[in-house]
Structure formats: C-alpha cells, structure tokens
Amino acid sequence: MNIGSSALFWQLLQRELKERYVGTALGITWLIIPPLAMLVVYSLVFGEVLQLRLHTETNSTQFALALLTGLAAFNALAEVLTRAPNLLIERRDLLLNSALPAALLPLIPVGVSLVLESIAISLVLLVCIITESFHWQALAYYLPFLILRLALTTALAYLLAAFGVFLRDLRQLMPALLNVLLLTAPVVYPLSAVPESWQVWYQWHPLTALVEGYRSALLQAEFRSDYFLGLGLLILLVLPLSLYSFNSLLPRARYVL
C-alpha cells in the first residue's frame, strides 16, 4: 500500500466511523460506551452469577476481564463478518465511479475492528494496572495474536466481500453463524468449564485459539505457541485463497453491480 492509498484508506475509515454515529447525541463517544458498560455489567452480574454456575474459583474482576478479553476478540471478528458480505454493494459508487483501488474496500471493516478492539483491550489493560495484575510481557505476547487476528479477518473480509455480491443470503446468514461461534467457543465461559469429552473439538476450534491466546497473553503474561502456530497455519491456507477469489470474482462483481 503506497502513501496515496494509505491516506485514502484513512479517509475511508474515518468516514465509516463518522457515518455509523452521525445524528446521535454522543457521537463517536459510542465507541467507548459499549465496552465500558460491558465491563461494569460483567463485574457486577456475570462475575458473580455466571461464575457461580461454572464453578470457577477466580474473583469477580478476573472473571469479568476474561469475559471482556474473549468478547474483544469475538466482536472484532463479528464486525468483519457482519459488514463484509454487503460491503461492495454498499460502496457500489466508489467501486464503479472512482479510481479507488478495489482492494482497499474489504480493509475498511478490518480497520474498524482494530479501532473497536483497541478500545476494549485498553480497558482490560487499565483494569489490570489498577488491580496491580499487569505484566509488561502482556503486550509483547498479545501483539502476535493481534497480527494473526488481523490476517484472519482480512482473509474473511476479501472472501465474503467477493461472494457477497453473488450470494445476497450471506448477510442474513452471518448473525446466525455468529451465534453458533459464540456458543461453540469459550468466549463467555472458560475453557476449563468444557466437559472432557468435548475438549478435543474445542482445541481444534480456530476461535478457541484466538480467544485463549488473547487471555493467556493479556491476563497471565503467557505466550501459547501451540495456538499461535495452529492459527498461523490456518491463515497461511485461507489468506491466499481469499485474495485469489477476490481478484478472480472482482470483474464479474463489477458487471453484476
């Protein structure tokens, strides 16, 4: 991406964020309110009620941080899966009537997801600092998993953006798929709460690798190389396929649009 493309992408990202909150009383402040509200709710309610049901031994703050960390990874993924299938359709004018490089468009939801995740993770780190549970290694171990998350969501964005033009049902399918992903991965519950007979399935779940990698890095200052390598190999397979699919289907997508 050259300097001109980078500047253009930044403008598109700012436009996307402004359009999302235009007309609201609090404006872009809404970027901060949801993760802050989630942290309060999880600390006061889920930290006691859900923890009791799962028979975990961590305190309420630790449990709330684990939930918020898992949801930070999940919500970043959900942002891309929700927006990407309809992206080229919504930005049809930019795609057809401007010199904008088409390859920039699928990167917009990925950029938005990075902004949203940064706010949520900043809250996690702030609470860790306040509770004196922060370790300097946390960021160093978190960044490799963040890079993998960005690579994975980039692959999904290109793949879904290309197929979304032809399969309009994808945008209706995504909410149901996200519910399945949320419930079949240890996002709102710890991996230790999963029955032993299901552990093998969960270990192979890509979202498990991402969520547990985030939690281990940020909350325990541990780097899970097994999850990192497994997720990295998956991305090495999916990313070239998604880029090839996008470039191959783009001329036909322009025609359909």
Protein backbone atom coordinates (compact mmCIF):
# COMPACT_ATOMS: atom_id res chain seq x y z
CA MET A 1 0.00 0.00 0.00
CA ASN A 2 1.63 3.29 -1.13
CA ILE A 3 1.35 6.68 0.60
CA GLY A 4 -1.59 7.80 -1.54
CA SER A 5 -3.51 4.59 -0.89
CA SER A 6 -2.75 4.80 2.82
CA ALA A 7 -4.13 8.33 3.03
CA LEU A 8 -7.21 7.29 1.08
CA PHE A 9 -7.78 4.30 3.32
CA TRP A 10 -7.52 6.50 6.41
CA GLN A 11 -10.14 8.87 4.96
CA LEU A 12 -12.47 5.96 4.21
CA LEU A 13 -12.00 4.59 7.72
CA GLN A 14 -12.82 7.97 9.28
CA ARG A 15 -15.86 8.26 7.04
CA GLU A 16 -17.05 4.79 8.06
CA LEU A 17 -16.79 5.62 11.77
CA LYS A 18 -18.49 9.01 11.37
CA GLU A 19 -21.36 7.58 9.32
CA ARG A 20 -22.01 4.96 11.97
CA TYR A 21 -22.65 7.52 14.70
CA VAL A 22 -23.92 10.51 12.69
CA GLY A 23 -27.04 12.06 14.20
CA THR A 24 -26.51 10.57 17.66
CA ALA A 25 -26.25 12.83 20.68
CA LEU A 26 -23.00 11.32 21.92
CA GLY A 27 -21.42 10.83 18.51
CA ILE A 28 -18.14 8.95 18.39
CA THR A 29 -18.25 8.60 22.20
CA TRP A 30 -20.34 5.49 21.48
CA LEU A 31 -17.06 3.77 20.64
CA ILE A 32 -16.18 3.84 24.34
CA ILE A 33 -19.59 3.32 25.96
CA PRO A 34 -20.29 -0.35 24.95
CA PRO A 35 -17.02 -1.90 26.22
CA LEU A 36 -17.17 0.24 29.38
CA ALA A 37 -20.77 -0.83 30.02
CA MET A 38 -19.86 -4.47 29.38
CA LEU A 39 -17.02 -4.29 31.90
CA VAL A 40 -19.35 -2.87 34.58
CA VAL A 41 -22.12 -5.40 33.88
CA TYR A 42 -19.76 -8.37 33.81
CA SER A 43 -18.09 -7.27 37.03
CA LEU A 44 -21.38 -6.78 38.91
CA VAL A 45 -23.56 -9.53 37.42
CA PHE A 46 -21.76 -12.17 35.37
CA GLY A 47 -18.73 -12.05 37.64
CA GLU A 48 -20.92 -13.48 40.42
CA VAL A 49 -23.86 -15.26 38.75
CA LEU A 50 -22.21 -16.93 35.77
CA GLN A 51 -19.04 -17.68 37.70
CA LEU A 52 -21.12 -19.50 40.33
CA ARG A 53 -22.84 -21.60 37.65
CA LEU A 54 -19.50 -22.53 36.09
CA HIS A 55 -17.87 -23.30 39.44
CA THR A 56 -14.80 -21.18 38.74
CA GLU A 57 -12.52 -20.03 41.53
CA THR A 58 -11.37 -16.65 40.20
CA ASN A 59 -12.62 -13.42 41.72
CA SER A 60 -15.27 -11.26 40.04
CA THR A 61 -12.81 -8.84 38.47
CA GLN A 62 -10.68 -11.60 36.94
CA PHE A 63 -13.75 -13.34 35.61
CA ALA A 64 -15.06 -10.07 34.12
CA LEU A 65 -11.67 -9.40 32.49
CA ALA A 66 -11.63 -12.89 30.99
CA LEU A 67 -15.11 -12.29 29.54
CA LEU A 68 -14.23 -8.87 28.17
CA THR A 69 -10.99 -10.16 26.64
CA GLY A 70 -12.81 -13.02 24.94
CA LEU A 71 -15.51 -10.69 23.66
CA ALA A 72 -12.91 -8.21 22.38
CA ALA A 73 -11.58 -10.92 20.06
CA PHE A 74 -15.06 -12.17 19.16
CA ASN A 75 -16.53 -8.72 18.49
CA ALA A 76 -13.61 -7.84 16.23
CA LEU A 77 -14.33 -10.96 14.20
CA ALA A 78 -18.08 -10.24 14.27
CA GLU A 79 -17.54 -6.71 12.95
CA VAL A 80 -15.88 -8.06 9.81
CA LEU A 81 -18.24 -11.00 9.30
CA THR A 82 -21.26 -8.69 9.59
CA ARG A 83 -20.03 -5.89 7.35
CA ALA A 84 -18.01 -7.67 4.65
CA PRO A 85 -20.81 -9.53 2.75
CA ASN A 86 -22.61 -6.28 1.92
CA LEU A 87 -19.54 -4.07 1.57
CA LEU A 88 -19.17 -3.92 -2.23
CA ILE A 89 -22.90 -3.44 -2.62
CA GLU A 90 -22.98 -0.53 -0.16
CA ARG A 91 -19.89 1.06 -1.70
CA ARG A 92 -21.02 0.44 -5.27
CA ASP A 93 -20.50 4.08 -6.32
CA LEU A 94 -16.91 4.09 -5.08
CA LEU A 95 -16.20 0.80 -6.79
CA LEU A 96 -17.68 1.74 -10.17
CA ASN A 97 -17.28 5.51 -10.42
CA SER A 98 -13.90 6.27 -8.89
CA ALA A 99 -10.25 5.39 -9.28
CA LEU A 100 -10.29 3.88 -5.81
CA PRO A 101 -8.33 0.59 -5.68
CA ALA A 102 -10.99 -2.06 -5.09
CA ALA A 103 -8.65 -3.97 -2.79
CA LEU A 104 -8.96 -1.17 -0.20
CA LEU A 105 -12.67 -1.67 0.39
CA PRO A 106 -12.53 -5.01 2.27
CA LEU A 107 -9.90 -3.49 4.56
CA ILE A 108 -12.37 -0.91 5.91
CA PRO A 109 -14.22 -3.25 8.33
CA VAL A 110 -10.86 -4.69 9.35
CA GLY A 111 -9.72 -1.19 10.26
CA VAL A 112 -12.94 -0.53 12.18
CA SER A 113 -12.49 -3.80 14.05
CA LEU A 114 -8.99 -2.71 15.07
CA VAL A 115 -10.34 0.56 16.50
CA LEU A 116 -13.07 -1.24 18.45
CA GLU A 117 -10.69 -3.89 19.75
CA SER A 118 -8.10 -1.31 20.79
CA ILE A 119 -10.67 0.41 23.00
CA ALA A 120 -11.79 -2.85 24.63
CA ILE A 121 -8.24 -4.09 25.20
CA SER A 122 -7.23 -0.69 26.60
CA LEU A 123 -9.95 -1.07 29.23
CA VAL A 124 -8.68 -4.56 30.06
CA LEU A 125 -5.13 -3.27 30.49
CA LEU A 126 -6.31 -0.28 32.54
CA VAL A 127 -8.14 -2.54 34.99
CA CYS A 128 -5.10 -4.84 35.16
CA ILE A 129 -2.93 -1.84 36.05
CA ILE A 130 -5.39 -0.64 38.69
CA THR A 131 -5.63 -4.09 40.26
CA GLU A 132 -1.83 -4.50 40.05
CA SER A 133 -2.11 -7.60 37.89
CA PHE A 134 -0.49 -6.11 34.78
CA HIS A 135 2.73 -7.64 33.44
CA TRP A 136 4.90 -5.85 30.90
CA GLN A 137 5.18 -9.05 28.83
CA ALA A 138 1.41 -8.96 28.20
CA LEU A 139 1.62 -6.58 25.25
CA ALA A 140 4.58 -8.39 23.71
CA TYR A 141 2.65 -11.69 23.82
CA TYR A 142 -0.62 -10.09 22.70
CA LEU A 143 0.71 -8.40 19.56
CA PRO A 144 1.50 -11.65 17.65
CA PHE A 145 -2.07 -12.83 18.23
CA LEU A 146 -3.40 -9.43 17.17
CA ILE A 147 -1.46 -9.75 13.90
CA LEU A 148 -2.98 -13.19 13.36
CA ARG A 149 -6.46 -11.83 14.12
CA LEU A 150 -5.98 -9.03 11.59
CA ALA A 151 -4.71 -11.50 8.98
CA LEU A 152 -7.63 -13.86 9.61
CA THR A 153 -10.27 -11.13 9.42
CA THR A 154 -8.59 -9.70 6.31
CA ALA A 155 -8.87 -13.09 4.63
CA LEU A 156 -12.52 -13.39 5.64
CA ALA A 157 -13.24 -9.82 4.53
CA TYR A 158 -11.92 -10.42 1.00
CA LEU A 159 -13.67 -13.77 0.73
CA LEU A 160 -17.05 -12.55 1.98
CA ALA A 161 -16.91 -9.27 0.05
CA ALA A 162 -16.38 -11.12 -3.21
CA PHE A 163 -19.06 -13.76 -2.65
CA GLY A 164 -21.47 -11.30 -1.04
CA VAL A 165 -22.20 -9.70 -4.42
CA PHE A 166 -23.49 -13.01 -5.80
CA LEU A 167 -24.85 -14.65 -2.64
CA ARG A 168 -27.04 -12.00 -1.05
CA ASP A 169 -28.15 -14.50 1.60
CA LEU A 170 -24.73 -14.25 3.25
CA ARG A 171 -25.63 -11.11 5.18
CA GLN A 172 -28.71 -12.87 6.57
CA LEU A 173 -26.64 -15.93 7.45
CA MET A 174 -23.93 -14.10 9.38
CA PRO A 175 -25.93 -13.30 12.59
CA ALA A 176 -26.91 -16.96 12.96
CA LEU A 177 -23.34 -18.08 12.28
CA LEU A 178 -22.00 -15.64 14.86
CA ASN A 179 -24.40 -17.01 17.47
CA VAL A 180 -23.11 -20.51 16.74
CA LEU A 181 -19.49 -19.35 17.01
CA LEU A 182 -20.20 -17.53 20.27
CA LEU A 183 -21.73 -20.60 21.87
CA THR A 184 -19.35 -23.23 20.49
CA ALA A 185 -16.14 -21.46 21.56
CA PRO A 186 -15.00 -20.46 25.06
CA VAL A 187 -15.89 -16.79 24.68
CA VAL A 188 -18.38 -16.21 27.52
CA TYR A 189 -17.18 -19.16 29.55
CA PRO A 190 -13.71 -20.52 30.36
CA LEU A 191 -12.24 -23.47 28.51
CA SER A 192 -11.92 -25.26 31.85
CA ALA A 193 -15.73 -25.40 32.07
CA VAL A 194 -15.96 -27.54 28.92
CA PRO A 195 -16.53 -31.27 29.59
CA GLU A 196 -13.55 -33.51 28.99
CA SER A 197 -15.29 -35.35 26.15
CA TRP A 198 -15.61 -32.07 24.23
CA GLN A 199 -12.09 -30.79 24.82
CA VAL A 200 -10.68 -32.22 21.57
CA TRP A 201 -13.27 -30.37 19.48
CA TYR A 202 -12.63 -27.12 21.33
CA GLN A 203 -8.87 -27.41 20.91
CA TRP A 204 -9.34 -27.55 17.13
CA HIS A 205 -11.73 -24.59 17.07
CA PRO A 206 -9.98 -21.54 15.49
CA LEU A 207 -11.84 -19.15 17.77
CA THR A 208 -10.60 -21.07 20.80
CA ALA A 209 -7.01 -20.49 19.69
CA LEU A 210 -7.67 -16.78 19.25
CA VAL A 211 -9.58 -16.22 22.49
CA GLU A 212 -7.31 -18.37 24.66
CA GLY A 213 -4.26 -16.78 23.04
CA TYR A 214 -5.58 -13.33 23.97
CA ARG A 215 -6.42 -14.36 27.53
CA SER A 216 -3.12 -16.11 28.16
CA ALA A 217 -1.16 -13.13 26.85
CA LEU A 218 -3.08 -10.29 28.48
CA LEU A 219 -4.20 -11.82 31.75
CA GLN A 220 -1.48 -14.39 32.50
CA ALA A 221 1.50 -12.98 30.56
CA GLU A 222 1.95 -16.34 28.83
CA PHE A 223 2.51 -17.00 25.14
CA ARG A 224 0.62 -20.01 23.79
CA SER A 225 2.84 -21.12 20.92
CA ASP A 226 0.59 -24.09 20.14
CA TYR A 227 -2.40 -21.88 19.49
CA PHE A 228 -0.25 -19.38 17.61
CA LEU A 229 1.21 -21.99 15.24
CA GLY A 230 -2.14 -23.69 14.64
CA LEU A 231 -3.91 -20.43 13.84
CA GLY A 232 -0.97 -19.26 11.74
CA LEU A 233 -1.08 -22.39 9.58
CA LEU A 234 -4.81 -21.93 9.02
CA ILE A 235 -4.27 -18.34 7.91
CA LEU A 236 -1.48 -19.36 5.52
CA LEU A 237 -4.03 -21.59 3.78
CA VAL A 238 -7.01 -19.24 3.84
CA LEU A 239 -5.44 -15.86 3.05
CA PRO A 240 -4.02 -16.72 -0.43
CA LEU A 241 -7.31 -18.42 -1.32
CA SER A 242 -9.36 -15.40 -0.29
CA LEU A 243 -7.14 -12.95 -2.21
CA TYR A 244 -7.29 -15.15 -5.29
CA SER A 245 -11.08 -15.42 -5.02
CA PHE A 246 -11.49 -11.66 -4.64
CA ASN A 247 -9.30 -10.82 -7.63
CA SER A 248 -10.93 -13.51 -9.76
CA LEU A 249 -14.50 -12.51 -8.96
CA LEU A 250 -14.00 -8.73 -8.98
CA PRO A 251 -14.55 -8.20 -12.77
CA ARG A 252 -17.75 -10.24 -12.61
CA ALA A 253 -18.83 -8.39 -9.48
CA ARG A 254 -18.40 -5.05 -11.25
CA TYR A 255 -20.62 -6.32 -14.04
CA VAL A 256 -23.33 -7.54 -11.63
CA LEU A 257 -23.27 -4.25 -9.71
